[in-house]
Amino acid sequence: TLLSFESSSDLFGTAKNPHKHTHTPGGSSGGEGALLALGGSR
């Protein structure tokens, strides 16, 4: 739905915060946040 601060779905699973995997990286662009924080993209 793109309407959450948690990036999760049955289809792709739950994205994790790069600092603490027990926490969310945010949403709805949460996967981007995690990837950029870890340097997997600039």
Full PDB file with SEQRES, HELIX, SHEET, SSBOND, CRYST1, ORIGX, SCALE, CONECT and MASTER records, all heavy atoms in Angstrom:
SEQRES   1 A   42  THR LEU LEU SER PHE GLU SER SER SER ASP LEU PHE GLY          
SEQRES   2 A   42  THR ALA LYS ASN PRO HIS LYS HIS THR HIS THR PRO GLY          
SEQRES   3 A   42  GLY SER SER GLY GLY GLU GLY ALA LEU LEU ALA LEU GLY          
SEQRES   4 A   42  GLY SER ARG                                                  
HELIX    1 AA1 GLY A   30  ALA A   37  1                                   8    
SHEET    1 AA1 2 SER A   8  SER A   9  0                                        
SHEET    2 AA1 2 GLY A  13  THR A  14 -1                                        
CRYST1    1.000    1.000    1.000  90.00  90.00  90.00 P 1           1          
ORIGX1      1.000000  0.000000  0.000000        0.00000                         
ORIGX2      0.000000  1.000000  0.000000        0.00000                         
ORIGX3      0.000000  0.000000  1.000000        0.00000                         
SCALE1      1.000000  0.000000  0.000000        0.00000                         
SCALE2      0.000000  1.000000  0.000000        0.00000                         
SCALE3      0.000000  0.000000  1.000000        0.00000                         
ATOM      1  N   THR A   1       0.822  -1.232   0.000  1.00  0.00           N  
ATOM      2  CA  THR A   1       0.000   0.000   0.000  1.00  0.00           C  
ATOM      3  C   THR A   1       0.844   1.264   0.000  1.00  0.00           C  
ATOM      4  O   THR A   1       0.336   2.340  -0.286  1.00  0.00           O  
ATOM      5  CB  THR A   1      -1.013   0.103   1.170  1.00  0.00           C  
ATOM      6  OG1 THR A   1      -0.327   0.424   2.394  1.00  0.00           O  
ATOM      7  CG2 THR A   1      -1.843  -1.151   1.315  1.00  0.00           C  
ATOM      8  N   LEU A   2       2.148   1.167   0.316  1.00  0.00           N  
ATOM      9  CA  LEU A   2       3.041   2.334   0.369  1.00  0.00           C  
ATOM     10  C   LEU A   2       2.622   3.342   1.436  1.00  0.00           C  
ATOM     11  O   LEU A   2       3.002   4.513   1.369  1.00  0.00           O  
ATOM     12  CB  LEU A   2       3.100   3.037  -0.998  1.00  0.00           C  
ATOM     13  CG  LEU A   2       3.507   2.169  -2.189  1.00  0.00           C  
ATOM     14  CD1 LEU A   2       3.423   2.973  -3.483  1.00  0.00           C  
ATOM     15  CD2 LEU A   2       4.926   1.634  -2.007  1.00  0.00           C  
ATOM     16  N   LEU A   3       1.873   2.903   2.427  1.00  0.00           N  
ATOM     17  CA  LEU A   3       1.345   3.824   3.435  1.00  0.00           C  
ATOM     18  C   LEU A   3       1.791   3.451   4.845  1.00  0.00           C  
ATOM     19  O   LEU A   3       1.013   3.518   5.785  1.00  0.00           O  
ATOM     20  CB  LEU A   3      -0.194   3.847   3.367  1.00  0.00           C  
ATOM     21  CG  LEU A   3      -0.815   4.394   2.082  1.00  0.00           C  
ATOM     22  CD1 LEU A   3      -2.325   4.237   2.112  1.00  0.00           C  
ATOM     23  CD2 LEU A   3      -0.433   5.859   1.872  1.00  0.00           C  
ATOM     24  N   SER A   4       3.058   3.068   4.978  1.00  0.00           N  
ATOM     25  CA  SER A   4       3.545   2.687   6.299  1.00  0.00           C  
ATOM     26  C   SER A   4       4.980   3.143   6.480  1.00  0.00           C  
ATOM     27  O   SER A   4       5.709   3.333   5.490  1.00  0.00           O  
ATOM     28  CB  SER A   4       3.457   1.166   6.482  1.00  0.00           C  
ATOM     29  OG  SER A   4       4.038   0.767   7.713  1.00  0.00           O  
ATOM     30  N   PHE A   5       5.387   3.310   7.718  1.00  0.00           N  
ATOM     31  CA  PHE A   5       6.785   3.585   8.033  1.00  0.00           C  
ATOM     32  C   PHE A   5       7.543   2.280   8.321  1.00  0.00           C  
ATOM     33  O   PHE A   5       8.653   2.297   8.822  1.00  0.00           O  
ATOM     34  CB  PHE A   5       6.891   4.531   9.230  1.00  0.00           C  
ATOM     35  CG  PHE A   5       6.378   5.921   8.942  1.00  0.00           C  
ATOM     36  CD1 PHE A   5       5.962   6.749   9.968  1.00  0.00           C  
ATOM     37  CD2 PHE A   5       6.317   6.406   7.647  1.00  0.00           C  
ATOM     38  CE1 PHE A   5       5.490   8.029   9.714  1.00  0.00           C  
ATOM     39  CE2 PHE A   5       5.852   7.686   7.370  1.00  0.00           C  
ATOM     40  CZ  PHE A   5       5.438   8.507   8.413  1.00  0.00           C  
ATOM     41  N   GLU A   6       6.948   1.158   7.996  1.00  0.00           N  
ATOM     42  CA  GLU A   6       7.572  -0.170   8.067  1.00  0.00           C  
ATOM     43  C   GLU A   6       7.556  -0.751   6.666  1.00  0.00           C  
ATOM     44  O   GLU A   6       6.499  -0.832   6.035  1.00  0.00           O  
ATOM     45  CB  GLU A   6       6.768  -1.064   9.012  1.00  0.00           C  
ATOM     46  CG  GLU A   6       7.122  -2.541   8.970  1.00  0.00           C  
ATOM     47  CD  GLU A   6       8.226  -2.931   9.924  1.00  0.00           C  
ATOM     48  OE1 GLU A   6       9.393  -2.763   9.536  1.00  0.00           O  
ATOM     49  OE2 GLU A   6       7.912  -3.384  11.029  1.00  0.00           O  
ATOM     50  N   SER A   7       8.699  -1.128   6.117  1.00  0.00           N  
ATOM     51  CA  SER A   7       8.758  -1.630   4.739  1.00  0.00           C  
ATOM     52  C   SER A   7       8.664  -3.151   4.733  1.00  0.00           C  
ATOM     53  O   SER A   7       9.673  -3.849   4.841  1.00  0.00           O  
ATOM     54  CB  SER A   7      10.045  -1.151   4.060  1.00  0.00           C  
ATOM     55  OG  SER A   7       9.989   0.238   3.839  1.00  0.00           O  
ATOM     56  N   SER A   8       7.432  -3.656   4.582  1.00  0.00           N  
ATOM     57  CA  SER A   8       7.195  -5.095   4.691  1.00  0.00           C  
ATOM     58  C   SER A   8       6.016  -5.514   3.834  1.00  0.00           C  
ATOM     59  O   SER A   8       5.051  -4.756   3.664  1.00  0.00           O  
ATOM     60  CB  SER A   8       6.941  -5.457   6.162  1.00  0.00           C  
ATOM     61  OG  SER A   8       6.746  -6.840   6.317  1.00  0.00           O  
ATOM     62  N   SER A   9       6.114  -6.717   3.300  1.00  0.00           N  
ATOM     63  CA  SER A   9       4.994  -7.305   2.556  1.00  0.00           C  
ATOM     64  C   SER A   9       5.203  -8.816   2.517  1.00  0.00           C  
ATOM     65  O   SER A   9       6.307  -9.313   2.740  1.00  0.00           O  
ATOM     66  CB  SER A   9       4.939  -6.767   1.123  1.00  0.00           C  
ATOM     67  OG  SER A   9       6.062  -7.196   0.367  1.00  0.00           O  
ATOM     68  N   ASP A  10       4.127  -9.559   2.237  1.00  0.00           N  
ATOM     69  CA  ASP A  10       4.263 -11.011   2.051  1.00  0.00           C  
ATOM     70  C   ASP A  10       5.180 -11.306   0.872  1.00  0.00           C  
ATOM     71  O   ASP A  10       5.909 -12.304   0.866  1.00  0.00           O  
ATOM     72  CB  ASP A  10       2.890 -11.638   1.769  1.00  0.00           C  
ATOM     73  CG  ASP A  10       1.941 -11.563   2.950  1.00  0.00           C  
ATOM     74  OD1 ASP A  10       2.406 -11.261   4.066  1.00  0.00           O  
ATOM     75  OD2 ASP A  10       0.734 -11.804   2.750  1.00  0.00           O  
ATOM     76  N   LEU A  11       5.138 -10.446  -0.121  1.00  0.00           N  
ATOM     77  CA  LEU A  11       5.847 -10.687  -1.371  1.00  0.00           C  
ATOM     78  C   LEU A  11       7.360 -10.620  -1.213  1.00  0.00           C  
ATOM     79  O   LEU A  11       8.091 -11.478  -1.710  1.00  0.00           O  
ATOM     80  CB  LEU A  11       5.383  -9.679  -2.427  1.00  0.00           C  
ATOM     81  CG  LEU A  11       5.769  -9.960  -3.873  1.00  0.00           C  
ATOM     82  CD1 LEU A  11       5.191 -11.274  -4.355  1.00  0.00           C  
ATOM     83  CD2 LEU A  11       5.296  -8.820  -4.777  1.00  0.00           C  
ATOM     84  N   PHE A  12       7.845  -9.604  -0.511  1.00  0.00           N  
ATOM     85  CA  PHE A  12       9.286  -9.394  -0.419  1.00  0.00           C  
ATOM     86  C   PHE A  12       9.843  -9.539   0.994  1.00  0.00           C  
ATOM     87  O   PHE A  12      11.061  -9.487   1.185  1.00  0.00           O  
ATOM     88  CB  PHE A  12       9.648  -8.011  -0.958  1.00  0.00           C  
ATOM     89  CG  PHE A  12       9.401  -7.847  -2.436  1.00  0.00           C  
ATOM     90  CD1 PHE A  12       8.480  -6.922  -2.906  1.00  0.00           C  
ATOM     91  CD2 PHE A  12      10.081  -8.629  -3.360  1.00  0.00           C  
ATOM     92  CE1 PHE A  12       8.251  -6.762  -4.270  1.00  0.00           C  
ATOM     93  CE2 PHE A  12       9.864  -8.483  -4.724  1.00  0.00           C  
ATOM     94  CZ  PHE A  12       8.946  -7.549  -5.182  1.00  0.00           C  
ATOM     95  N   GLY A  13       8.992  -9.691   1.992  1.00  0.00           N  
ATOM     96  CA  GLY A  13       9.487  -9.787   3.351  1.00  0.00           C  
ATOM     97  C   GLY A  13       9.739  -8.424   3.961  1.00  0.00           C  
ATOM     98  O   GLY A  13       9.403  -7.384   3.385  1.00  0.00           O  
ATOM     99  N   THR A  14      10.369  -8.400   5.126  1.00  0.00           N  
ATOM    100  CA  THR A  14      10.550  -7.181   5.908  1.00  0.00           C  
ATOM    101  C   THR A  14      11.970  -6.642   5.781  1.00  0.00           C  
ATOM    102  O   THR A  14      12.941  -7.370   6.014  1.00  0.00           O  
ATOM    103  CB  THR A  14      10.251  -7.453   7.396  1.00  0.00           C  
ATOM    104  OG1 THR A  14       8.898  -7.902   7.514  1.00  0.00           O  
ATOM    105  CG2 THR A  14      10.454  -6.208   8.238  1.00  0.00           C  
ATOM    106  N   ALA A  15      12.086  -5.374   5.423  1.00  0.00           N  
ATOM    107  CA  ALA A  15      13.391  -4.709   5.386  1.00  0.00           C  
ATOM    108  C   ALA A  15      13.807  -4.353   6.814  1.00  0.00           C  
ATOM    109  O   ALA A  15      12.975  -3.994   7.645  1.00  0.00           O  
ATOM    110  CB  ALA A  15      13.327  -3.454   4.527  1.00  0.00           C  
ATOM    111  N   LYS A  16      15.111  -4.437   7.077  1.00  0.00           N  
ATOM    112  CA  LYS A  16      15.622  -4.212   8.429  1.00  0.00           C  
ATOM    113  C   LYS A  16      16.475  -2.944   8.496  1.00  0.00           C  
ATOM    114  O   LYS A  16      17.112  -2.553   7.514  1.00  0.00           O  
ATOM    115  CB  LYS A  16      16.467  -5.413   8.874  1.00  0.00           C  
ATOM    116  CG  LYS A  16      15.709  -6.729   8.867  1.00  0.00           C  
ATOM    117  CD  LYS A  16      16.657  -7.910   9.111  1.00  0.00           C  
ATOM    118  CE  LYS A  16      15.928  -9.239   8.969  1.00  0.00           C  
ATOM    119  NZ  LYS A  16      16.858 -10.393   9.096  1.00  0.00           N  
ATOM    120  N   ASN A  17      16.491  -2.349   9.674  1.00  0.00           N  
ATOM    121  CA  ASN A  17      17.313  -1.161   9.881  1.00  0.00           C  
ATOM    122  C   ASN A  17      18.792  -1.549   9.844  1.00  0.00           C  
ATOM    123  O   ASN A  17      19.195  -2.526  10.480  1.00  0.00           O  
ATOM    124  CB  ASN A  17      16.970  -0.519  11.227  1.00  0.00           C  
ATOM    125  CG  ASN A  17      17.601   0.845  11.388  1.00  0.00           C  
ATOM    126  OD1 ASN A  17      18.809   0.976  11.536  1.00  0.00           O  
ATOM    127  ND2 ASN A  17      16.775   1.876  11.371  1.00  0.00           N  
ATOM    128  N   PRO A  18      19.616  -0.807   9.123  1.00  0.00           N  
ATOM    129  CA  PRO A  18      21.035  -1.169   9.018  1.00  0.00           C  
ATOM    130  C   PRO A  18      21.810  -1.020  10.327  1.00  0.00           C  
ATOM    131  O   PRO A  18      22.886  -1.618  10.476  1.00  0.00           O  
ATOM    132  CB  PRO A  18      21.570  -0.200   7.964  1.00  0.00           C  
ATOM    133  CG  PRO A  18      20.622   0.958   7.990  1.00  0.00           C  
ATOM    134  CD  PRO A  18      19.289   0.380   8.311  1.00  0.00           C  
ATOM    135  N   HIS A  19      21.288  -0.252  11.268  1.00  0.00           N  
ATOM    136  CA  HIS A  19      21.954  -0.054  12.556  1.00  0.00           C  
ATOM    137  C   HIS A  19      21.517  -1.093  13.591  1.00  0.00           C  
ATOM    138  O   HIS A  19      22.323  -1.501  14.424  1.00  0.00           O  
ATOM    139  CB  HIS A  19      21.667   1.353  13.084  1.00  0.00           C  
ATOM    140  CG  HIS A  19      22.105   2.443  12.164  1.00  0.00           C  
ATOM    141  ND1 HIS A  19      23.323   3.068  12.277  1.00  0.00           N  
ATOM    142  CD2 HIS A  19      21.478   3.007  11.099  1.00  0.00           C  
ATOM    143  CE1 HIS A  19      23.436   3.977  11.315  1.00  0.00           C  
ATOM    144  NE2 HIS A  19      22.335   3.961  10.589  1.00  0.00           N  
ATOM    145  N   LYS A  20      20.249  -1.484  13.525  1.00  0.00           N  
ATOM    146  CA  LYS A  20      19.710  -2.504  14.427  1.00  0.00           C  
ATOM    147  C   LYS A  20      18.666  -3.296  13.664  1.00  0.00           C  
ATOM    148  O   LYS A  20      17.618  -2.761  13.286  1.00  0.00           O  
ATOM    149  CB  LYS A  20      19.069  -1.848  15.659  1.00  0.00           C  
ATOM    150  CG  LYS A  20      20.047  -1.439  16.731  1.00  0.00           C  
ATOM    151  CD  LYS A  20      19.323  -1.191  18.062  1.00  0.00           C  
ATOM    152  CE  LYS A  20      20.328  -1.007  19.183  1.00  0.00           C  
ATOM    153  NZ  LYS A  20      19.688  -0.905  20.497  1.00  0.00           N  
ATOM    154  N   HIS A  21      18.941  -4.569  13.434  1.00  0.00           N  
ATOM    155  CA  HIS A  21      18.048  -5.369  12.601  1.00  0.00           C  
ATOM    156  C   HIS A  21      16.702  -5.633  13.252  1.00  0.00           C  
ATOM    157  O   HIS A  21      15.757  -6.052  12.575  1.00  0.00           O  
ATOM    158  CB  HIS A  21      18.731  -6.684  12.234  1.00  0.00           C  
ATOM    159  CG  HIS A  21      19.971  -6.494  11.430  1.00  0.00           C  
ATOM    160  ND1 HIS A  21      20.877  -7.504  11.193  1.00  0.00           N  
ATOM    161  CD2 HIS A  21      20.470  -5.393  10.811  1.00  0.00           C  
ATOM    162  CE1 HIS A  21      21.870  -7.037  10.454  1.00  0.00           C  
ATOM    163  NE2 HIS A  21      21.654  -5.762  10.216  1.00  0.00           N  
ATOM    164  N   THR A  22      16.596  -5.377  14.544  1.00  0.00           N  
ATOM    165  CA  THR A  22      15.325  -5.543  15.245  1.00  0.00           C  
ATOM    166  C   THR A  22      14.376  -4.387  14.977  1.00  0.00           C  
ATOM    167  O   THR A  22      13.208  -4.434  15.359  1.00  0.00           O  
ATOM    168  CB  THR A  22      15.566  -5.631  16.758  1.00  0.00           C  
ATOM    169  OG1 THR A  22      16.398  -4.528  17.159  1.00  0.00           O  
ATOM    170  CG2 THR A  22      16.249  -6.937  17.127  1.00  0.00           C  
ATOM    171  N   HIS A  23      14.869  -3.342  14.313  1.00  0.00           N  
ATOM    172  CA  HIS A  23      14.091  -2.128  14.093  1.00  0.00           C  
ATOM    173  C   HIS A  23      13.850  -1.888  12.602  1.00  0.00           C  
ATOM    174  O   HIS A  23      14.530  -2.448  11.751  1.00  0.00           O  
ATOM    175  CB  HIS A  23      14.805  -0.922  14.715  1.00  0.00           C  
ATOM    176  CG  HIS A  23      14.814  -0.938  16.211  1.00  0.00           C  
ATOM    177  ND1 HIS A  23      15.448  -1.926  16.951  1.00  0.00           N  
ATOM    178  CD2 HIS A  23      14.258  -0.087  17.124  1.00  0.00           C  
ATOM    179  CE1 HIS A  23      15.280  -1.680  18.245  1.00  0.00           C  
ATOM    180  NE2 HIS A  23      14.562  -0.572  18.376  1.00  0.00           N  
ATOM    181  N   THR A  24      12.897  -1.031  12.298  1.00  0.00           N  
ATOM    182  CA  THR A  24      12.536  -0.733  10.916  1.00  0.00           C  
ATOM    183  C   THR A  24      13.455   0.344  10.332  1.00  0.00           C  
ATOM    184  O   THR A  24      13.885   1.247  11.052  1.00  0.00           O  
ATOM    185  CB  THR A  24      11.074  -0.269  10.814  1.00  0.00           C  
ATOM    186  OG1 THR A  24      10.785   0.106   9.461  1.00  0.00           O  
ATOM    187  CG2 THR A  24      10.799   0.932  11.703  1.00  0.00           C  
ATOM    188  N   PRO A  25      13.729   0.285   9.023  1.00  0.00           N  
ATOM    189  CA  PRO A  25      14.481   1.355   8.368  1.00  0.00           C  
ATOM    190  C   PRO A  25      13.576   2.495   7.921  1.00  0.00           C  
ATOM    191  O   PRO A  25      14.037   3.464   7.324  1.00  0.00           O  
ATOM    192  CB  PRO A  25      15.097   0.650   7.160  1.00  0.00           C  
ATOM    193  CG  PRO A  25      14.063  -0.366   6.786  1.00  0.00           C  
ATOM    194  CD  PRO A  25      13.468  -0.838   8.094  1.00  0.00           C  
ATOM    195  N   GLY A  26      12.282   2.357   8.193  1.00  0.00           N  
ATOM    196  CA  GLY A  26      11.320   3.377   7.763  1.00  0.00           C  
ATOM    197  C   GLY A  26      10.557   2.949   6.529  1.00  0.00           C  
ATOM    198  O   GLY A  26      10.725   1.845   6.009  1.00  0.00           O  
ATOM    199  N   GLY A  27       9.708   3.842   6.068  1.00  0.00           N  
ATOM    200  CA  GLY A  27       8.911   3.566   4.887  1.00  0.00           C  
ATOM    201  C   GLY A  27       8.306   4.858   4.362  1.00  0.00           C  
ATOM    202  O   GLY A  27       8.367   5.886   5.036  1.00  0.00           O  
ATOM    203  N   SER A  28       7.780   4.863   3.157  1.00  0.00           N  
ATOM    204  CA  SER A  28       7.711   3.644   2.373  1.00  0.00           C  
ATOM    205  C   SER A  28       8.972   3.365   1.550  1.00  0.00           C  
ATOM    206  O   SER A  28       9.094   2.313   0.933  1.00  0.00           O  
ATOM    207  CB  SER A  28       6.506   3.716   1.434  1.00  0.00           C  
ATOM    208  OG  SER A  28       6.593   4.826   0.557  1.00  0.00           O  
ATOM    209  N   SER A  29       9.937   4.311   1.575  1.00  0.00           N  
ATOM    210  CA  SER A  29      11.190   4.095   0.844  1.00  0.00           C  
ATOM    211  C   SER A  29      12.239   3.484   1.768  1.00  0.00           C  
ATOM    212  O   SER A  29      13.411   3.862   1.741  1.00  0.00           O  
ATOM    213  CB  SER A  29      11.693   5.436   0.268  1.00  0.00           C  
ATOM    214  OG  SER A  29      10.685   6.096  -0.460  1.00  0.00           O  
ATOM    215  N   GLY A  30      11.822   2.505   2.576  1.00  0.00           N  
ATOM    216  CA  GLY A  30      12.698   1.948   3.598  1.00  0.00           C  
ATOM    217  C   GLY A  30      13.859   1.148   3.048  1.00  0.00           C  
ATOM    218  O   GLY A  30      14.965   1.180   3.585  1.00  0.00           O  
ATOM    219  N   GLY A  31      13.629   0.392   1.970  1.00  0.00           N  
ATOM    220  CA  GLY A  31      14.720  -0.360   1.367  1.00  0.00           C  
ATOM    221  C   GLY A  31      15.824   0.558   0.870  1.00  0.00           C  
ATOM    222  O   GLY A  31      17.014   0.256   1.002  1.00  0.00           O  
ATOM    223  N   GLU A  32      15.425   1.697   0.299  1.00  0.00           N  
ATOM    224  CA  GLU A  32      16.406   2.695  -0.141  1.00  0.00           C  
ATOM    225  C   GLU A  32      17.228   3.198   1.036  1.00  0.00           C  
ATOM    226  O   GLU A  32      18.453   3.329   0.955  1.00  0.00           O  
ATOM    227  CB  GLU A  32      15.707   3.883  -0.816  1.00  0.00           C  
ATOM    228  CG  GLU A  32      15.394   3.698  -2.269  1.00  0.00           C  
ATOM    229  CD  GLU A  32      16.622   3.491  -3.143  1.00  0.00           C  
ATOM    230  OE1 GLU A  32      17.723   3.974  -2.792  1.00  0.00           O  
ATOM    231  OE2 GLU A  32      16.494   2.828  -4.176  1.00  0.00           O  
ATOM    232  N   GLY A  33      16.547   3.517   2.142  1.00  0.00           N  
ATOM    233  CA  GLY A  33      17.254   4.027   3.304  1.00  0.00           C  
ATOM    234  C   GLY A  33      18.307   3.057   3.807  1.00  0.00           C  
ATOM    235  O   GLY A  33      19.445   3.445   4.102  1.00  0.00           O  
ATOM    236  N   ALA A  34      17.942   1.780   3.901  1.00  0.00           N  
ATOM    237  CA  ALA A  34      18.874   0.761   4.388  1.00  0.00           C  
ATOM    238  C   ALA A  34      20.048   0.588   3.427  1.00  0.00           C  
ATOM    239  O   ALA A  34      21.210   0.498   3.846  1.00  0.00           O  
ATOM    240  CB  ALA A  34      18.145  -0.564   4.574  1.00  0.00           C  
ATOM    241  N   LEU A  35      19.762   0.512   2.130  1.00  0.00           N  
ATOM    242  CA  LEU A  35      20.807   0.307   1.130  1.00  0.00           C  
ATOM    243  C   LEU A  35      21.809   1.460   1.128  1.00  0.00           C  
ATOM    244  O   LEU A  35      23.028   1.252   1.118  1.00  0.00           O  
ATOM    245  CB  LEU A  35      20.172   0.163  -0.252  1.00  0.00           C  
ATOM    246  CG  LEU A  35      21.136  -0.070  -1.426  1.00  0.00           C  
ATOM    247  CD1 LEU A  35      21.839  -1.407  -1.297  1.00  0.00           C  
ATOM    248  CD2 LEU A  35      20.391   0.027  -2.756  1.00  0.00           C  
ATOM    249  N   LEU A  36      21.310   2.692   1.157  1.00  0.00           N  
ATOM    250  CA  LEU A  36      22.181   3.867   1.130  1.00  0.00           C  
ATOM    251  C   LEU A  36      23.016   3.967   2.396  1.00  0.00           C  
ATOM    252  O   LEU A  36      24.210   4.306   2.355  1.00  0.00           O  
ATOM    253  CB  LEU A  36      21.337   5.135   0.945  1.00  0.00           C  
ATOM    254  CG  LEU A  36      20.690   5.294  -0.435  1.00  0.00           C  
ATOM    255  CD1 LEU A  36      19.553   6.312  -0.371  1.00  0.00           C  
ATOM    256  CD2 LEU A  36      21.717   5.724  -1.475  1.00  0.00           C  
ATOM    257  N   ALA A  37      22.410   3.676   3.540  1.00  0.00           N  
ATOM    258  CA  ALA A  37      23.142   3.770   4.805  1.00  0.00           C  
ATOM    259  C   ALA A  37      24.318   2.802   4.847  1.00  0.00           C  
ATOM    260  O   ALA A  37      25.360   3.111   5.435  1.00  0.00           O  
ATOM    261  CB  ALA A  37      22.194   3.508   5.974  1.00  0.00           C  
ATOM    262  N   LEU A  38      24.170   1.653   4.217  1.00  0.00           N  
ATOM    263  CA  LEU A  38      25.225   0.646   4.217  1.00  0.00           C  
ATOM    264  C   LEU A  38      26.219   0.833   3.067  1.00  0.00           C  
ATOM    265  O   LEU A  38      27.165   0.067   2.933  1.00  0.00           O  
ATOM    266  CB  LEU A  38      24.619  -0.753   4.166  1.00  0.00           C  
ATOM    267  CG  LEU A  38      23.953  -1.213   5.463  1.00  0.00           C  
ATOM    268  CD1 LEU A  38      23.172  -2.501   5.250  1.00  0.00           C  
ATOM    269  CD2 LEU A  38      24.996  -1.414   6.564  1.00  0.00           C  
ATOM    270  N   GLY A  39      25.986   1.834   2.226  1.00  0.00           N  
ATOM    271  CA  GLY A  39      26.908   2.100   1.130  1.00  0.00           C  
ATOM    272  C   GLY A  39      26.707   1.230  -0.075  1.00  0.00           C  
ATOM    273  O   GLY A  39      27.570   1.184  -0.964  1.00  0.00           O  
ATOM    274  N   GLY A  40      25.571   0.526  -0.161  1.00  0.00           N  
ATOM    275  CA  GLY A  40      25.280  -0.295  -1.326  1.00  0.00           C  
ATOM    276  C   GLY A  40      24.813   0.511  -2.511  1.00  0.00           C  
ATOM    277  O   GLY A  40      24.626  -0.018  -3.610  1.00  0.00           O  
ATOM    278  N   SER A  41      24.654   1.810  -2.321  1.00  0.00           N  
ATOM    279  CA  SER A  41      24.314   2.772  -3.362  1.00  0.00           C  
ATOM    280  C   SER A  41      24.690   4.131  -2.792  1.00  0.00           C  
ATOM    281  O   SER A  41      24.778   4.291  -1.569  1.00  0.00           O  
ATOM    282  CB  SER A  41      22.822   2.708  -3.694  1.00  0.00           C  
ATOM    283  OG  SER A  41      22.469   3.653  -4.691  1.00  0.00           O  
ATOM    284  N   ARG A  42      24.924   5.094  -3.660  1.00  0.00           N  
ATOM    285  CA  ARG A  42      25.157   6.457  -3.166  1.00  0.00           C  
ATOM    286  C   ARG A  42      23.979   7.367  -3.473  1.00  0.00           C  
ATOM    287  O   ARG A  42      23.772   8.372  -2.795  1.00  0.00           O  
ATOM    288  CB  ARG A  42      26.426   7.051  -3.781  1.00  0.00           C  
ATOM    289  CG  ARG A  42      27.709   6.461  -3.249  1.00  0.00           C  
ATOM    290  CD  ARG A  42      28.918   7.283  -3.626  1.00  0.00           C  
ATOM    291  NE  ARG A  42      29.081   8.442  -2.775  1.00  0.00           N  
ATOM    292  CZ  ARG A  42      29.886   8.473  -1.706  1.00  0.00           C  
ATOM    293  NH1 ARG A  42      30.572   7.405  -1.358  1.00  0.00           N  
ATOM    294  NH2 ARG A  42      29.994   9.580  -0.988  1.00  0.00           N  
TER     295      ARG A  42                                                      
MASTER        0    0    0    1    2    0    0    6  294    1    0    4          
END                                                                             
